[in-house]
Amino acid sequence: MFSRRRCGDICPYCHIDTSERKRREESFTEEELFESLWKLSVKPVCAWLICIRGAQKGRDYRIVSGKNYIGRSDRMEIQILGDNEISEEDHAALSFDSREGEGTLLPSENGGMLYLNGRALYLPTALSAYDLIAIGGSEFLYLPFAGKNFSWEEEERAEGL
């Protein structure tokens, strides 16, 4: 473990000058640091899963860009509590490609059965607005937000970020 007290500003293992990093950190204003931390903590919503039947009826789940793993565990991006028919981890995944504005439902080899609009799902399948997804004893409605009419990336470019 590197100790600045014992080794000074030069790491004895990789020989990197750590004082440079400190100078860069000090060059940011408090407002710039807050803004960069805010951007790291906020993952813009791209779509929602809304529970219409089951233990979490009425609850919505945010879908963000990338893979959103579904299960009961708190390690899942979409944690569905109260339905023990849903696998603890990786029952399925919902991937959202923000570049294409498209959501895809991905069945898991480890998970249980998954149904899309009443039919068993065995392969990754593109989702459309208002598709019905049955997982365990729960049913969800898919509602996209980002896509043809709105893109977070376009908004950021327009704002000059």
C-alpha atoms as a PDB file:
ATOM      1  CA  MET A   1       0.000   0.000   0.000  1.00  0.00           C
ATOM      2  CA  PHE A   2       1.360   3.398  -1.035  1.00  0.00           C
ATOM      3  CA  SER A   3       2.039   5.838   1.816  1.00  0.00           C
ATOM      4  CA  ARG A   4       2.733   9.466   0.961  1.00  0.00           C
ATOM      5  CA  ARG A   5       4.217   9.922   4.459  1.00  0.00           C
ATOM      6  CA  ARG A   6       6.853   7.224   3.853  1.00  0.00           C
ATOM      7  CA  CYS A   7       7.438   7.600   0.115  1.00  0.00           C
ATOM      8  CA  GLY A   8       6.759  11.251  -0.658  1.00  0.00           C
ATOM      9  CA  ASP A   9       4.994  12.104  -3.918  1.00  0.00           C
ATOM     10  CA  ILE A  10       6.591   9.317  -6.031  1.00  0.00           C
ATOM     11  CA  CYS A  11       4.997   5.859  -5.886  1.00  0.00           C
ATOM     12  CA  PRO A  12       7.765   3.245  -5.319  1.00  0.00           C
ATOM     13  CA  TYR A  13       5.904   0.635  -7.410  1.00  0.00           C
ATOM     14  CA  CYS A  14       4.852   2.494 -10.544  1.00  0.00           C
ATOM     15  CA  HIS A  15       7.001   5.637 -10.180  1.00  0.00           C
ATOM     16  CA  ILE A  16       4.072   7.980 -10.812  1.00  0.00           C
ATOM     17  CA  ASP A  17       4.311  11.501  -9.417  1.00  0.00           C
ATOM     18  CA  THR A  18       1.162  11.827  -7.282  1.00  0.00           C
ATOM     19  CA  SER A  19       1.686  15.560  -6.700  1.00  0.00           C
ATOM     20  CA  GLU A  20       0.516  16.200 -10.275  1.00  0.00           C
ATOM     21  CA  ARG A  21      -2.863  14.644  -9.487  1.00  0.00           C
ATOM     22  CA  LYS A  22      -3.184  16.791  -6.375  1.00  0.00           C
ATOM     23  CA  ARG A  23      -2.437  19.945  -8.388  1.00  0.00           C
ATOM     24  CA  ARG A  24      -5.088  19.001 -10.966  1.00  0.00           C
ATOM     25  CA  GLU A  25      -7.683  18.385  -8.240  1.00  0.00           C
ATOM     26  CA  GLU A  26      -6.921  21.749  -6.650  1.00  0.00           C
ATOM     27  CA  SER A  27      -7.384  23.538 -10.002  1.00  0.00           C
ATOM     28  CA  PHE A  28     -11.142  22.760 -10.032  1.00  0.00           C
ATOM     29  CA  THR A  29     -13.588  25.155  -8.429  1.00  0.00           C
ATOM     30  CA  GLU A  30     -16.094  23.807  -5.923  1.00  0.00           C
ATOM     31  CA  GLU A  31     -18.858  24.301  -8.505  1.00  0.00           C
ATOM     32  CA  GLU A  32     -16.948  22.293 -11.154  1.00  0.00           C
ATOM     33  CA  LEU A  33     -16.344  19.457  -8.684  1.00  0.00           C
ATOM     34  CA  PHE A  34     -20.034  19.399  -7.702  1.00  0.00           C
ATOM     35  CA  GLU A  35     -21.105  19.337 -11.363  1.00  0.00           C
ATOM     36  CA  SER A  36     -18.752  16.470 -12.240  1.00  0.00           C
ATOM     37  CA  LEU A  37     -19.896  14.452  -9.197  1.00  0.00           C
ATOM     38  CA  TRP A  38     -23.527  15.107 -10.135  1.00  0.00           C
ATOM     39  CA  LYS A  39     -22.930  13.786 -13.658  1.00  0.00           C
ATOM     40  CA  LEU A  40     -21.333  10.632 -12.242  1.00  0.00           C
ATOM     41  CA  SER A  41     -24.216   9.959  -9.855  1.00  0.00           C
ATOM     42  CA  VAL A  42     -27.133  10.614 -12.223  1.00  0.00           C
ATOM     43  CA  LYS A  43     -27.918   7.973 -14.803  1.00  0.00           C
ATOM     44  CA  PRO A  44     -30.560   9.418 -17.146  1.00  0.00           C
ATOM     45  CA  VAL A  45     -33.713   7.356 -17.523  1.00  0.00           C
ATOM     46  CA  CYS A  46     -34.213   5.862 -21.005  1.00  0.00           C
ATOM     47  CA  ALA A  47     -37.364   3.790 -20.373  1.00  0.00           C
ATOM     48  CA  TRP A  48     -39.509   2.343 -17.603  1.00  0.00           C
ATOM     49  CA  LEU A  49     -40.906  -1.010 -16.595  1.00  0.00           C
ATOM     50  CA  ILE A  50     -44.208  -0.519 -14.795  1.00  0.00           C
ATOM     51  CA  CYS A  51     -45.569  -3.378 -12.691  1.00  0.00           C
ATOM     52  CA  ILE A  52     -49.239  -3.877 -13.594  1.00  0.00           C
ATOM     53  CA  ARG A  53     -49.756  -7.261 -11.842  1.00  0.00           C
ATOM     54  CA  GLY A  54     -47.972  -8.806  -8.906  1.00  0.00           C
ATOM     55  CA  ALA A  55     -46.512  -7.908  -5.531  1.00  0.00           C
ATOM     56  CA  GLN A  56     -45.177  -4.522  -6.720  1.00  0.00           C
ATOM     57  CA  LYS A  57     -48.294  -3.462  -8.687  1.00  0.00           C
ATOM     58  CA  GLY A  58     -48.106   0.255  -9.477  1.00  0.00           C
ATOM     59  CA  ARG A  59     -44.334   0.533  -9.006  1.00  0.00           C
ATOM     60  CA  ASP A  60     -42.090   1.752 -11.815  1.00  0.00           C
ATOM     61  CA  TYR A  61     -38.514   0.685 -12.481  1.00  0.00           C
ATOM     62  CA  ARG A  62     -36.087   2.989 -14.277  1.00  0.00           C
ATOM     63  CA  ILE A  63     -34.239   1.605 -17.290  1.00  0.00           C
ATOM     64  CA  VAL A  64     -30.902   3.306 -17.973  1.00  0.00           C
ATOM     65  CA  SER A  65     -28.546   2.997 -20.919  1.00  0.00           C
ATOM     66  CA  GLY A  66     -26.719  -0.359 -21.018  1.00  0.00           C
ATOM     67  CA  LYS A  67     -27.706  -3.657 -19.399  1.00  0.00           C
ATOM     68  CA  ASN A  68     -30.212  -3.602 -16.556  1.00  0.00           C
ATOM     69  CA  TYR A  69     -30.218  -6.962 -14.759  1.00  0.00           C
ATOM     70  CA  ILE A  70     -33.511  -8.142 -13.259  1.00  0.00           C
ATOM     71  CA  GLY A  71     -33.885 -10.165 -10.061  1.00  0.00           C
ATOM     72  CA  ARG A  72     -34.742 -10.003  -6.344  1.00  0.00           C
ATOM     73  CA  SER A  73     -31.198  -9.278  -5.112  1.00  0.00           C
ATOM     74  CA  ASP A  74     -30.094  -5.770  -4.183  1.00  0.00           C
ATOM     75  CA  ARG A  75     -27.221  -6.259  -6.645  1.00  0.00           C
ATOM     76  CA  MET A  76     -29.688  -6.109  -9.550  1.00  0.00           C
ATOM     77  CA  GLU A  77     -30.349  -2.825 -11.345  1.00  0.00           C
ATOM     78  CA  ILE A  78     -34.030  -3.795 -11.344  1.00  0.00           C
ATOM     79  CA  GLN A  79     -34.773  -5.322  -7.938  1.00  0.00           C
ATOM     80  CA  ILE A  80     -38.259  -6.830  -7.750  1.00  0.00           C
ATOM     81  CA  LEU A  81     -39.209  -7.694  -4.188  1.00  0.00           C
ATOM     82  CA  GLY A  82     -42.119  -9.824  -3.020  1.00  0.00           C
ATOM     83  CA  ASP A  83     -42.263 -12.256  -5.956  1.00  0.00           C
ATOM     84  CA  ASN A  84     -40.362 -15.413  -5.022  1.00  0.00           C
ATOM     85  CA  GLU A  85     -40.936 -16.882  -8.499  1.00  0.00           C
ATOM     86  CA  ILE A  86     -38.372 -14.384  -9.775  1.00  0.00           C
ATOM     87  CA  SER A  87     -34.758 -15.581  -9.509  1.00  0.00           C
ATOM     88  CA  GLU A  88     -32.641 -13.817  -6.930  1.00  0.00           C
ATOM     89  CA  GLU A  89     -30.088 -12.824  -9.580  1.00  0.00           C
ATOM     90  CA  ASP A  90     -30.128 -12.560 -13.363  1.00  0.00           C
ATOM     91  CA  HIS A  91     -33.658 -13.788 -14.045  1.00  0.00           C
ATOM     92  CA  ALA A  92     -33.393 -11.672 -17.200  1.00  0.00           C
ATOM     93  CA  ALA A  93     -31.886  -8.419 -18.432  1.00  0.00           C
ATOM     94  CA  LEU A  94     -33.231  -5.435 -20.266  1.00  0.00           C
ATOM     95  CA  SER A  95     -30.637  -3.692 -22.398  1.00  0.00           C
ATOM     96  CA  PHE A  96     -31.165  -0.167 -23.669  1.00  0.00           C
ATOM     97  CA  ASP A  97     -29.029   1.056 -26.562  1.00  0.00           C
ATOM     98  CA  SER A  98     -29.137   4.841 -26.253  1.00  0.00           C
ATOM     99  CA  ARG A  99     -27.415   5.280 -29.611  1.00  0.00           C
ATOM    100  CA  GLU A 100     -30.198   3.418 -31.435  1.00  0.00           C
ATOM    101  CA  GLY A 101     -32.928   4.302 -28.927  1.00  0.00           C
ATOM    102  CA  GLU A 102     -33.918   0.661 -28.643  1.00  0.00           C
ATOM    103  CA  GLY A 103     -34.672  -1.624 -25.726  1.00  0.00           C
ATOM    104  CA  THR A 104     -33.982  -5.361 -25.917  1.00  0.00           C
ATOM    105  CA  LEU A 105     -35.212  -8.044 -23.532  1.00  0.00           C
ATOM    106  CA  LEU A 106     -32.584 -10.714 -22.845  1.00  0.00           C
ATOM    107  CA  PRO A 107     -33.499 -14.051 -21.256  1.00  0.00           C
ATOM    108  CA  SER A 108     -30.911 -15.517 -18.898  1.00  0.00           C
ATOM    109  CA  GLU A 109     -29.593 -19.064 -18.956  1.00  0.00           C
ATOM    110  CA  ASN A 110     -29.741 -19.078 -15.149  1.00  0.00           C
ATOM    111  CA  GLY A 111     -33.148 -17.426 -14.789  1.00  0.00           C
ATOM    112  CA  GLY A 112     -36.656 -18.765 -14.946  1.00  0.00           C
ATOM    113  CA  MET A 113     -39.192 -18.421 -17.708  1.00  0.00           C
ATOM    114  CA  LEU A 114     -39.811 -15.076 -19.325  1.00  0.00           C
ATOM    115  CA  TYR A 115     -42.801 -14.097 -21.466  1.00  0.00           C
ATOM    116  CA  LEU A 116     -43.218 -11.245 -23.928  1.00  0.00           C
ATOM    117  CA  ASN A 117     -46.802 -10.428 -24.958  1.00  0.00           C
ATOM    118  CA  GLY A 118     -47.934 -13.866 -23.758  1.00  0.00           C
ATOM    119  CA  ARG A 119     -45.272 -15.885 -25.596  1.00  0.00           C
ATOM    120  CA  ALA A 120     -42.252 -17.609 -24.061  1.00  0.00           C
ATOM    121  CA  LEU A 121     -39.019 -15.779 -24.816  1.00  0.00           C
ATOM    122  CA  TYR A 122     -35.850 -17.753 -25.568  1.00  0.00           C
ATOM    123  CA  LEU A 123     -33.815 -15.250 -27.626  1.00  0.00           C
ATOM    124  CA  PRO A 124     -32.966 -11.552 -27.235  1.00  0.00           C
ATOM    125  CA  THR A 125     -35.921  -9.600 -28.614  1.00  0.00           C
ATOM    126  CA  ALA A 126     -36.397  -5.898 -29.410  1.00  0.00           C
ATOM    127  CA  LEU A 127     -39.099  -4.199 -27.374  1.00  0.00           C
ATOM    128  CA  SER A 128     -41.834  -1.820 -28.500  1.00  0.00           C
ATOM    129  CA  ALA A 129     -43.871   0.645 -26.474  1.00  0.00           C
ATOM    130  CA  TYR A 130     -46.523  -1.019 -24.296  1.00  0.00           C
ATOM    131  CA  ASP A 131     -45.110  -4.538 -24.643  1.00  0.00           C
ATOM    132  CA  LEU A 132     -46.183  -6.822 -21.781  1.00  0.00           C
ATOM    133  CA  ILE A 133     -43.405  -8.690 -19.987  1.00  0.00           C
ATOM    134  CA  ALA A 134     -44.243 -11.510 -17.559  1.00  0.00           C
ATOM    135  CA  ILE A 135     -41.529 -12.437 -15.055  1.00  0.00           C
ATOM    136  CA  GLY A 136     -42.348 -14.906 -12.293  1.00  0.00           C
ATOM    137  CA  GLY A 137     -45.805 -14.052 -10.970  1.00  0.00           C
ATOM    138  CA  SER A 138     -45.556 -10.400 -12.035  1.00  0.00           C
ATOM    139  CA  GLU A 139     -46.409  -8.580 -15.237  1.00  0.00           C
ATOM    140  CA  PHE A 140     -44.808  -5.373 -16.476  1.00  0.00           C
ATOM    141  CA  LEU A 141     -45.520  -2.791 -19.138  1.00  0.00           C
ATOM    142  CA  TYR A 142     -42.519  -1.457 -21.098  1.00  0.00           C
ATOM    143  CA  LEU A 143     -42.583   2.271 -21.739  1.00  0.00           C
ATOM    144  CA  PRO A 144     -39.654   3.809 -23.690  1.00  0.00           C
ATOM    145  CA  PHE A 145     -38.639   7.449 -23.263  1.00  0.00           C
ATOM    146  CA  ALA A 146     -35.414   8.019 -25.216  1.00  0.00           C
ATOM    147  CA  GLY A 147     -35.485   7.157 -28.905  1.00  0.00           C
ATOM    148  CA  LYS A 148     -36.387   8.850 -32.185  1.00  0.00           C
ATOM    149  CA  ASN A 149     -37.901  11.935 -30.561  1.00  0.00           C
ATOM    150  CA  PHE A 150     -35.446  12.429 -27.695  1.00  0.00           C
ATOM    151  CA  SER A 151     -31.822  11.552 -26.996  1.00  0.00           C
ATOM    152  CA  TRP A 152     -29.809  12.402 -23.887  1.00  0.00           C
ATOM    153  CA  GLU A 153     -26.683  12.582 -26.041  1.00  0.00           C
ATOM    154  CA  GLU A 154     -28.323  15.138 -28.365  1.00  0.00           C
ATOM    155  CA  GLU A 155     -29.414  17.198 -25.360  1.00  0.00           C
ATOM    156  CA  GLU A 156     -25.866  17.206 -23.979  1.00  0.00           C
ATOM    157  CA  ARG A 157     -24.449  18.254 -27.354  1.00  0.00           C
ATOM    158  CA  ALA A 158     -27.031  21.054 -27.599  1.00  0.00           C
ATOM    159  CA  GLU A 159     -26.054  22.271 -24.115  1.00  0.00           C
ATOM    160  CA  GLY A 160     -22.369  22.127 -25.051  1.00  0.00           C
ATOM    161  CA  LEU A 161     -21.472  19.545 -22.375  1.00  0.00           C
END
